[in-house]
Every structure is written in C-alpha cells, then in structure tokens.
Amino acid sequence: MDLSERHPDKKVLIVSHGALIGLSLKKLIPHFDTSEHLHNTSVTMLNKVELSWDCKLYNCITHLDTERCESN
C-alpha cells in the first residue's frame, strides 16, 4: 500500500535527496521531463488525480529569493 492509499485526501510531506525525487518522478509520471538539475532545497509538488499523478510544481526555488528576506 502506498502513502496516498494510507492517507487518502491528506497532504503528505516527503523530504529527500534529488536523486530519489528524480527516480520517483520517472516511476510515477514516466512522460515527465526530469532532465533539469534539481536545486538544493527546491520544492516539487505532486497531486494524485484519480489513478494517475500530476506534477503541480517542479524544482521551485522562489523561497530562496534573498531580496524577499528581511534582515534585522
């Protein structure tokens, strides 16, 4: 049983190395292009739509934008 079956209608956070994320994407969404290098601390979001998976957000690093950060 996979995580989506154990936690139906719930959000699940998985923290991992880029290599495992890339391999998981290839397994869940074979047609998805994972050739772009995954940045450290990037965010990738997947949604399960009925019996298939959709990548809602891939390799996002906007949270690292230092111009948005306030310095004290």
PDB file of N, CA and C in Angstrom:
ATOM      1  N   MET A   1       0.855  -1.178   0.000  1.00  0.00           N
ATOM      2  CA  MET A   1       0.000   0.000   0.000  1.00  0.00           C
ATOM      3  C   MET A   1       0.900   1.240   0.000  1.00  0.00           C
ATOM      4  N   ASP A   2       0.618   2.186  -0.888  1.00  0.00           N
ATOM      5  CA  ASP A   2       1.452   3.380  -0.940  1.00  0.00           C
ATOM      6  C   ASP A   2       0.925   4.469  -0.005  1.00  0.00           C
ATOM      7  N   LEU A   3       1.710   5.517   0.157  1.00  0.00           N
ATOM      8  CA  LEU A   3       1.349   6.594   1.086  1.00  0.00           C
ATOM      9  C   LEU A   3       0.008   7.234   0.754  1.00  0.00           C
ATOM     10  N   SER A   4      -0.284   7.408  -0.517  1.00  0.00           N
ATOM     11  CA  SER A   4      -1.549   8.043  -0.893  1.00  0.00           C
ATOM     12  C   SER A   4      -2.748   7.184  -0.503  1.00  0.00           C
ATOM     13  N   GLU A   5      -2.574   5.878  -0.477  1.00  0.00           N
ATOM     14  CA  GLU A   5      -3.658   4.985  -0.050  1.00  0.00           C
ATOM     15  C   GLU A   5      -3.793   4.970   1.472  1.00  0.00           C
ATOM     16  N   ARG A   6      -2.683   5.091   2.165  1.00  0.00           N
ATOM     17  CA  ARG A   6      -2.730   5.100   3.634  1.00  0.00           C
ATOM     18  C   ARG A   6      -3.241   6.416   4.197  1.00  0.00           C
ATOM     19  N   HIS A   7      -3.122   7.492   3.397  1.00  0.00           N
ATOM     20  CA  HIS A   7      -3.538   8.822   3.848  1.00  0.00           C
ATOM     21  C   HIS A   7      -4.423   9.477   2.787  1.00  0.00           C
ATOM     22  N   PRO A   8      -5.590   8.878   2.516  1.00  0.00           N
ATOM     23  CA  PRO A   8      -6.449   9.437   1.468  1.00  0.00           C
ATOM     24  C   PRO A   8      -6.912  10.849   1.815  1.00  0.00           C
ATOM     25  N   ASP A   9      -6.944  11.709   0.816  1.00  0.00           N
ATOM     26  CA  ASP A   9      -7.399  13.099   0.978  1.00  0.00           C
ATOM     27  C   ASP A   9      -6.567  13.892   1.978  1.00  0.00           C
ATOM     28  N   LYS A  10      -5.327  13.503   2.162  1.00  0.00           N
ATOM     29  CA  LYS A  10      -4.416  14.214   3.074  1.00  0.00           C
ATOM     30  C   LYS A  10      -3.205  14.704   2.291  1.00  0.00           C
ATOM     31  N   LYS A  11      -2.563  15.731   2.818  1.00  0.00           N
ATOM     32  CA  LYS A  11      -1.299  16.202   2.264  1.00  0.00           C
ATOM     33  C   LYS A  11      -0.178  15.468   2.984  1.00  0.00           C
ATOM     34  N   VAL A  12       0.815  15.030   2.224  1.00  0.00           N
ATOM     35  CA  VAL A  12       1.953  14.291   2.784  1.00  0.00           C
ATOM     36  C   VAL A  12       3.228  15.007   2.355  1.00  0.00           C
ATOM     37  N   LEU A  13       4.098  15.283   3.318  1.00  0.00           N
ATOM     38  CA  LEU A  13       5.380  15.911   3.029  1.00  0.00           C
ATOM     39  C   LEU A  13       6.463  14.838   3.050  1.00  0.00           C
ATOM     40  N   ILE A  14       7.244  14.803   1.992  1.00  0.00           N
ATOM     41  CA  ILE A  14       8.369  13.874   1.914  1.00  0.00           C
ATOM     42  C   ILE A  14       9.614  14.705   1.634  1.00  0.00           C
ATOM     43  N   VAL A  15      10.625  14.538   2.456  1.00  0.00           N
ATOM     44  CA  VAL A  15      11.889  15.244   2.285  1.00  0.00           C
ATOM     45  C   VAL A  15      12.906  14.221   1.818  1.00  0.00           C
ATOM     46  N   SER A  16      13.608  14.544   0.729  1.00  0.00           N
ATOM     47  CA  SER A  16      14.511  13.560   0.146  1.00  0.00           C
ATOM     48  C   SER A  16      15.621  14.234  -0.639  1.00  0.00           C
ATOM     49  N   HIS A  17      16.597  13.426  -1.021  1.00  0.00           N
ATOM     50  CA  HIS A  17      17.650  13.868  -1.928  1.00  0.00           C
ATOM     51  C   HIS A  17      17.099  13.927  -3.346  1.00  0.00           C
ATOM     52  N   GLY A  18      17.694  14.761  -4.167  1.00  0.00           N
ATOM     53  CA  GLY A  18      17.242  14.954  -5.539  1.00  0.00           C
ATOM     54  C   GLY A  18      17.220  13.684  -6.369  1.00  0.00           C
ATOM     55  N   ALA A  19      18.168  12.793  -6.144  1.00  0.00           N
ATOM     56  CA  ALA A  19      18.222  11.556  -6.929  1.00  0.00           C
ATOM     57  C   ALA A  19      16.960  10.719  -6.713  1.00  0.00           C
ATOM     58  N   LEU A  20      16.521  10.594  -5.482  1.00  0.00           N
ATOM     59  CA  LEU A  20      15.313   9.821  -5.196  1.00  0.00           C
ATOM     60  C   LEU A  20      14.074  10.526  -5.738  1.00  0.00           C
ATOM     61  N   ILE A  21      14.048  11.847  -5.667  1.00  0.00           N
ATOM     62  CA  ILE A  21      12.921  12.598  -6.226  1.00  0.00           C
ATOM     63  C   ILE A  21      12.848  12.356  -7.736  1.00  0.00           C
ATOM     64  N   GLY A  22      13.977  12.446  -8.420  1.00  0.00           N
ATOM     65  CA  GLY A  22      14.007  12.214  -9.861  1.00  0.00           C
ATOM     66  C   GLY A  22      13.554  10.814 -10.233  1.00  0.00           C
ATOM     67  N   LEU A  23      14.031   9.807  -9.507  1.00  0.00           N
ATOM     68  CA  LEU A  23      13.628   8.422  -9.774  1.00  0.00           C
ATOM     69  C   LEU A  23      12.147   8.215  -9.496  1.00  0.00           C
ATOM     70  N   SER A  24      11.651   8.824  -8.429  1.00  0.00           N
ATOM     71  CA  SER A  24      10.232   8.700  -8.091  1.00  0.00           C
ATOM     72  C   SER A  24       9.361   9.334  -9.167  1.00  0.00           C
ATOM     73  N   LEU A  25       9.770  10.506  -9.658  1.00  0.00           N
ATOM     74  CA  LEU A  25       9.010  11.158 -10.724  1.00  0.00           C
ATOM     75  C   LEU A  25       8.973  10.296 -11.984  1.00  0.00           C
ATOM     76  N   LYS A  26      10.096   9.676 -12.327  1.00  0.00           N
ATOM     77  CA  LYS A  26      10.147   8.818 -13.518  1.00  0.00           C
ATOM     78  C   LYS A  26       9.205   7.624 -13.369  1.00  0.00           C
ATOM     79  N   LYS A  27       9.077   7.126 -12.156  1.00  0.00           N
ATOM     80  CA  LYS A  27       8.189   5.988 -11.899  1.00  0.00           C
ATOM     81  C   LYS A  27       6.719   6.419 -11.911  1.00  0.00           C
ATOM     82  N   LEU A  28       6.418   7.544 -11.247  1.00  0.00           N
ATOM     83  CA  LEU A  28       5.030   7.986 -11.117  1.00  0.00           C
ATOM     84  C   LEU A  28       4.501   8.681 -12.369  1.00  0.00           C
ATOM     85  N   ILE A  29       5.372   9.443 -13.059  1.00  0.00           N
ATOM     86  CA  ILE A  29       4.964  10.192 -14.256  1.00  0.00           C
ATOM     87  C   ILE A  29       6.024   9.953 -15.337  1.00  0.00           C
ATOM     88  N   PRO A  30       5.982   8.798 -16.000  1.00  0.00           N
ATOM     89  CA  PRO A  30       7.041   8.429 -16.955  1.00  0.00           C
ATOM     90  C   PRO A  30       7.297   9.455 -18.060  1.00  0.00           C
ATOM     91  N   HIS A  31       6.295  10.179 -18.502  1.00  0.00           N
ATOM     92  CA  HIS A  31       6.459  11.146 -19.594  1.00  0.00           C
ATOM     93  C   HIS A  31       7.002  12.492 -19.111  1.00  0.00           C
ATOM     94  N   PHE A  32       7.144  12.689 -17.809  1.00  0.00           N
ATOM     95  CA  PHE A  32       7.595  13.977 -17.264  1.00  0.00           C
ATOM     96  C   PHE A  32       9.100  14.137 -17.493  1.00  0.00           C
ATOM     97  N   ASP A  33       9.517  15.308 -17.958  1.00  0.00           N
ATOM     98  CA  ASP A  33      10.927  15.584 -18.241  1.00  0.00           C
ATOM     99  C   ASP A  33      11.644  15.954 -16.943  1.00  0.00           C
ATOM    100  N   THR A  34      12.539  15.087 -16.488  1.00  0.00           N
ATOM    101  CA  THR A  34      13.304  15.327 -15.261  1.00  0.00           C
ATOM    102  C   THR A  34      14.768  15.620 -15.572  1.00  0.00           C
ATOM    103  N   SER A  35      15.047  16.098 -16.782  1.00  0.00           N
ATOM    104  CA  SER A  35      16.437  16.337 -17.169  1.00  0.00           C
ATOM    105  C   SER A  35      17.038  17.573 -16.488  1.00  0.00           C
ATOM    106  N   GLU A  36      16.193  18.489 -16.029  1.00  0.00           N
ATOM    107  CA  GLU A  36      16.682  19.684 -15.341  1.00  0.00           C
ATOM    108  C   GLU A  36      17.264  19.300 -13.981  1.00  0.00           C
ATOM    109  N   HIS A  37      18.450  19.801 -13.682  1.00  0.00           N
ATOM    110  CA  HIS A  37      19.103  19.524 -12.406  1.00  0.00           C
ATOM    111  C   HIS A  37      18.248  20.057 -11.256  1.00  0.00           C
ATOM    112  N   LEU A  38      17.972  19.214 -10.267  1.00  0.00           N
ATOM    113  CA  LEU A  38      17.198  19.654  -9.099  1.00  0.00           C
ATOM    114  C   LEU A  38      18.089  20.478  -8.183  1.00  0.00           C
ATOM    115  N   HIS A  39      17.643  21.666  -7.842  1.00  0.00           N
ATOM    116  CA  HIS A  39      18.386  22.538  -6.938  1.00  0.00           C
ATOM    117  C   HIS A  39      18.239  22.056  -5.496  1.00  0.00           C
ATOM    118  N   ASN A  40      19.263  22.303  -4.683  1.00  0.00           N
ATOM    119  CA  ASN A  40      19.156  22.007  -3.254  1.00  0.00           C
ATOM    120  C   ASN A  40      18.012  22.813  -2.665  1.00  0.00           C
ATOM    121  N   THR A  41      17.259  22.217  -1.800  1.00  0.00           N
ATOM    122  CA  THR A  41      16.099  22.777  -1.085  1.00  0.00           C
ATOM    123  C   THR A  41      14.961  23.199  -2.015  1.00  0.00           C
ATOM    124  N   SER A  42      14.954  22.699  -3.249  1.00  0.00           N
ATOM    125  CA  SER A  42      13.843  23.021  -4.145  1.00  0.00           C
ATOM    126  C   SER A  42      12.581  22.288  -3.691  1.00  0.00           C
ATOM    127  N   VAL A  43      11.443  22.779  -4.160  1.00  0.00           N
ATOM    128  CA  VAL A  43      10.153  22.193  -3.814  1.00  0.00           C
ATOM    129  C   VAL A  43       9.522  21.622  -5.078  1.00  0.00           C
ATOM    130  N   THR A  44       9.071  20.384  -4.976  1.00  0.00           N
ATOM    131  CA  THR A  44       8.340  19.718  -6.045  1.00  0.00           C
ATOM    132  C   THR A  44       7.042  19.207  -5.445  1.00  0.00           C
ATOM    133  N   MET A  45       5.932  19.504  -6.089  1.00  0.00           N
ATOM    134  CA  MET A  45       4.622  19.092  -5.571  1.00  0.00           C
ATOM    135  C   MET A  45       3.917  18.198  -6.580  1.00  0.00           C
ATOM    136  N   LEU A  46       3.422  17.069  -6.087  1.00  0.00           N
ATOM    137  CA  LEU A  46       2.661  16.142  -6.913  1.00  0.00           C
ATOM    138  C   LEU A  46       1.234  16.055  -6.394  1.00  0.00           C
ATOM    139  N   ASN A  47       0.302  15.867  -7.305  1.00  0.00           N
ATOM    140  CA  ASN A  47      -1.095  15.641  -6.955  1.00  0.00           C
ATOM    141  C   ASN A  47      -1.534  14.327  -7.560  1.00  0.00           C
ATOM    142  N   LYS A  48      -2.262  13.545  -6.767  1.00  0.00           N
ATOM    143  CA  LYS A  48      -2.837  12.324  -7.305  1.00  0.00           C
ATOM    144  C   LYS A  48      -4.223  12.670  -7.828  1.00  0.00           C
ATOM    145  N   VAL A  49      -4.425  12.422  -9.112  1.00  0.00           N
ATOM    146  CA  VAL A  49      -5.694  12.691  -9.771  1.00  0.00           C
ATOM    147  C   VAL A  49      -6.269  11.344 -10.188  1.00  0.00           C
ATOM    148  N   GLU A  50      -7.252  10.888  -9.439  1.00  0.00           N
ATOM    149  CA  GLU A  50      -7.835   9.560  -9.609  1.00  0.00           C
ATOM    150  C   GLU A  50      -6.733   8.515  -9.487  1.00  0.00           C
ATOM    151  N   LEU A  51      -6.365   7.853 -10.577  1.00  0.00           N
ATOM    152  CA  LEU A  51      -5.351   6.796 -10.502  1.00  0.00           C
ATOM    153  C   LEU A  51      -3.998   7.214 -11.046  1.00  0.00           C
ATOM    154  N   SER A  52      -3.855   8.480 -11.457  1.00  0.00           N
ATOM    155  CA  SER A  52      -2.578   8.923 -12.006  1.00  0.00           C
ATOM    156  C   SER A  52      -2.038  10.115 -11.208  1.00  0.00           C
ATOM    157  N   TRP A  53      -0.797  10.477 -11.501  1.00  0.00           N
ATOM    158  CA  TRP A  53      -0.124  11.565 -10.797  1.00  0.00           C
ATOM    159  C   TRP A  53       0.108  12.733 -11.742  1.00  0.00           C
ATOM    160  N   ASP A  54       0.098  13.939 -11.167  1.00  0.00           N
ATOM    161  CA  ASP A  54       0.340  15.171 -11.912  1.00  0.00           C
ATOM    162  C   ASP A  54       1.358  15.997 -11.130  1.00  0.00           C
ATOM    163  N   CYS A  55       2.324  16.575 -11.827  1.00  0.00           N
ATOM    164  CA  CYS A  55       3.324  17.415 -11.169  1.00  0.00           C
ATOM    165  C   CYS A  55       2.836  18.861 -11.196  1.00  0.00           C
ATOM    166  N   LYS A  56       2.433  19.345 -10.036  1.00  0.00           N
ATOM    167  CA  LYS A  56       1.886  20.690  -9.901  1.00  0.00           C
ATOM    168  C   LYS A  56       2.985  21.752  -9.873  1.00  0.00           C
ATOM    169  N   LEU A  57       4.130  21.409  -9.291  1.00  0.00           N
ATOM    170  CA  LEU A  57       5.248  22.343  -9.143  1.00  0.00           C
ATOM    171  C   LEU A  57       6.527  21.522  -9.194  1.00  0.00           C
ATOM    172  N   TYR A  58       7.533  21.987  -9.952  1.00  0.00           N
ATOM    173  CA  TYR A  58       8.779  21.227 -10.097  1.00  0.00           C
ATOM    174  C   TYR A  58       9.991  22.114  -9.876  1.00  0.00           C
ATOM    175  N   ASN A  59      10.838  21.705  -8.968  1.00  0.00           N
ATOM    176  CA  ASN A  59      12.150  22.322  -8.774  1.00  0.00           C
ATOM    177  C   ASN A  59      12.055  23.821  -8.448  1.00  0.00           C
ATOM    178  N   CYS A  60      11.064  24.209  -7.683  1.00  0.00           N
ATOM    179  CA  CYS A  60      10.830  25.615  -7.366  1.00  0.00           C
ATOM    180  C   CYS A  60      11.786  26.077  -6.263  1.00  0.00           C
ATOM    181  N   ILE A  61      12.439  27.209  -6.496  1.00  0.00           N
ATOM    182  CA  ILE A  61      13.369  27.759  -5.502  1.00  0.00           C
ATOM    183  C   ILE A  61      13.044  29.214  -5.164  1.00  0.00           C
ATOM    184  N   THR A  62      11.817  29.647  -5.429  1.00  0.00           N
ATOM    185  CA  THR A  62      11.469  31.043  -5.157  1.00  0.00           C
ATOM    186  C   THR A  62      11.577  31.375  -3.667  1.00  0.00           C
ATOM    187  N   HIS A  63      11.460  30.377  -2.816  1.00  0.00           N
ATOM    188  CA  HIS A  63      11.598  30.624  -1.377  1.00  0.00           C
ATOM    189  C   HIS A  63      13.027  31.001  -0.991  1.00  0.00           C
ATOM    190  N   LEU A  64      13.967  30.850  -1.913  1.00  0.00           N
ATOM    191  CA  LEU A  64      15.367  31.206  -1.648  1.00  0.00           C
ATOM    192  C   LEU A  64      15.706  32.615  -2.115  1.00  0.00           C
ATOM    193  N   ASP A  65      14.731  33.331  -2.635  1.00  0.00           N
ATOM    194  CA  ASP A  65      14.940  34.690  -3.126  1.00  0.00           C
ATOM    195  C   ASP A  65      15.340  35.597  -1.977  1.00  0.00           C
ATOM    196  N   THR A  66      16.622  35.966  -1.910  1.00  0.00           N
ATOM    197  CA  THR A  66      17.140  36.753  -0.781  1.00  0.00           C
ATOM    198  C   THR A  66      16.600  38.171  -0.752  1.00  0.00           C
ATOM    199  N   GLU A  67      16.093  38.672  -1.889  1.00  0.00           N
ATOM    200  CA  GLU A  67      15.537  40.011  -1.903  1.00  0.00           C
ATOM    201  C   GLU A  67      14.230  40.097  -1.128  1.00  0.00           C
ATOM    202  N   ARG A  68      13.574  38.964  -0.951  1.00  0.00           N
ATOM    203  CA  ARG A  68      12.326  38.924  -0.197  1.00  0.00           C
ATOM    204  C   ARG A  68      12.573  38.828   1.300  1.00  0.00           C
ATOM    205  N   CYS A  69      13.767  38.472   1.689  1.00  0.00           N
ATOM    206  CA  CYS A  69      14.076  38.278   3.108  1.00  0.00           C
ATOM    207  C   CYS A  69      14.360  39.614   3.783  1.00  0.00           C
ATOM    208  N   GLU A  70      13.902  39.736   5.005  1.00  0.00           N
ATOM    209  CA  GLU A  70      14.208  40.941   5.791  1.00  0.00           C
ATOM    210  C   GLU A  70      15.405  40.649   6.659  1.00  0.00           C
ATOM    211  N   SER A  71      16.313  41.600   6.758  1.00  0.00           N
ATOM    212  CA  SER A  71      17.437  41.455   7.673  1.00  0.00           C
ATOM    213  C   SER A  71      17.174  42.291   8.909  1.00  0.00           C
ATOM    214  N   ASN A  72      17.554  41.790  10.041  1.00  0.00           N
ATOM    215  CA  ASN A  72      17.328  42.507  11.307  1.00  0.00           C
ATOM    216  C   ASN A  72      18.551  43.294  11.706  1.00  0.00           C
TER     217      ASN A  72
END
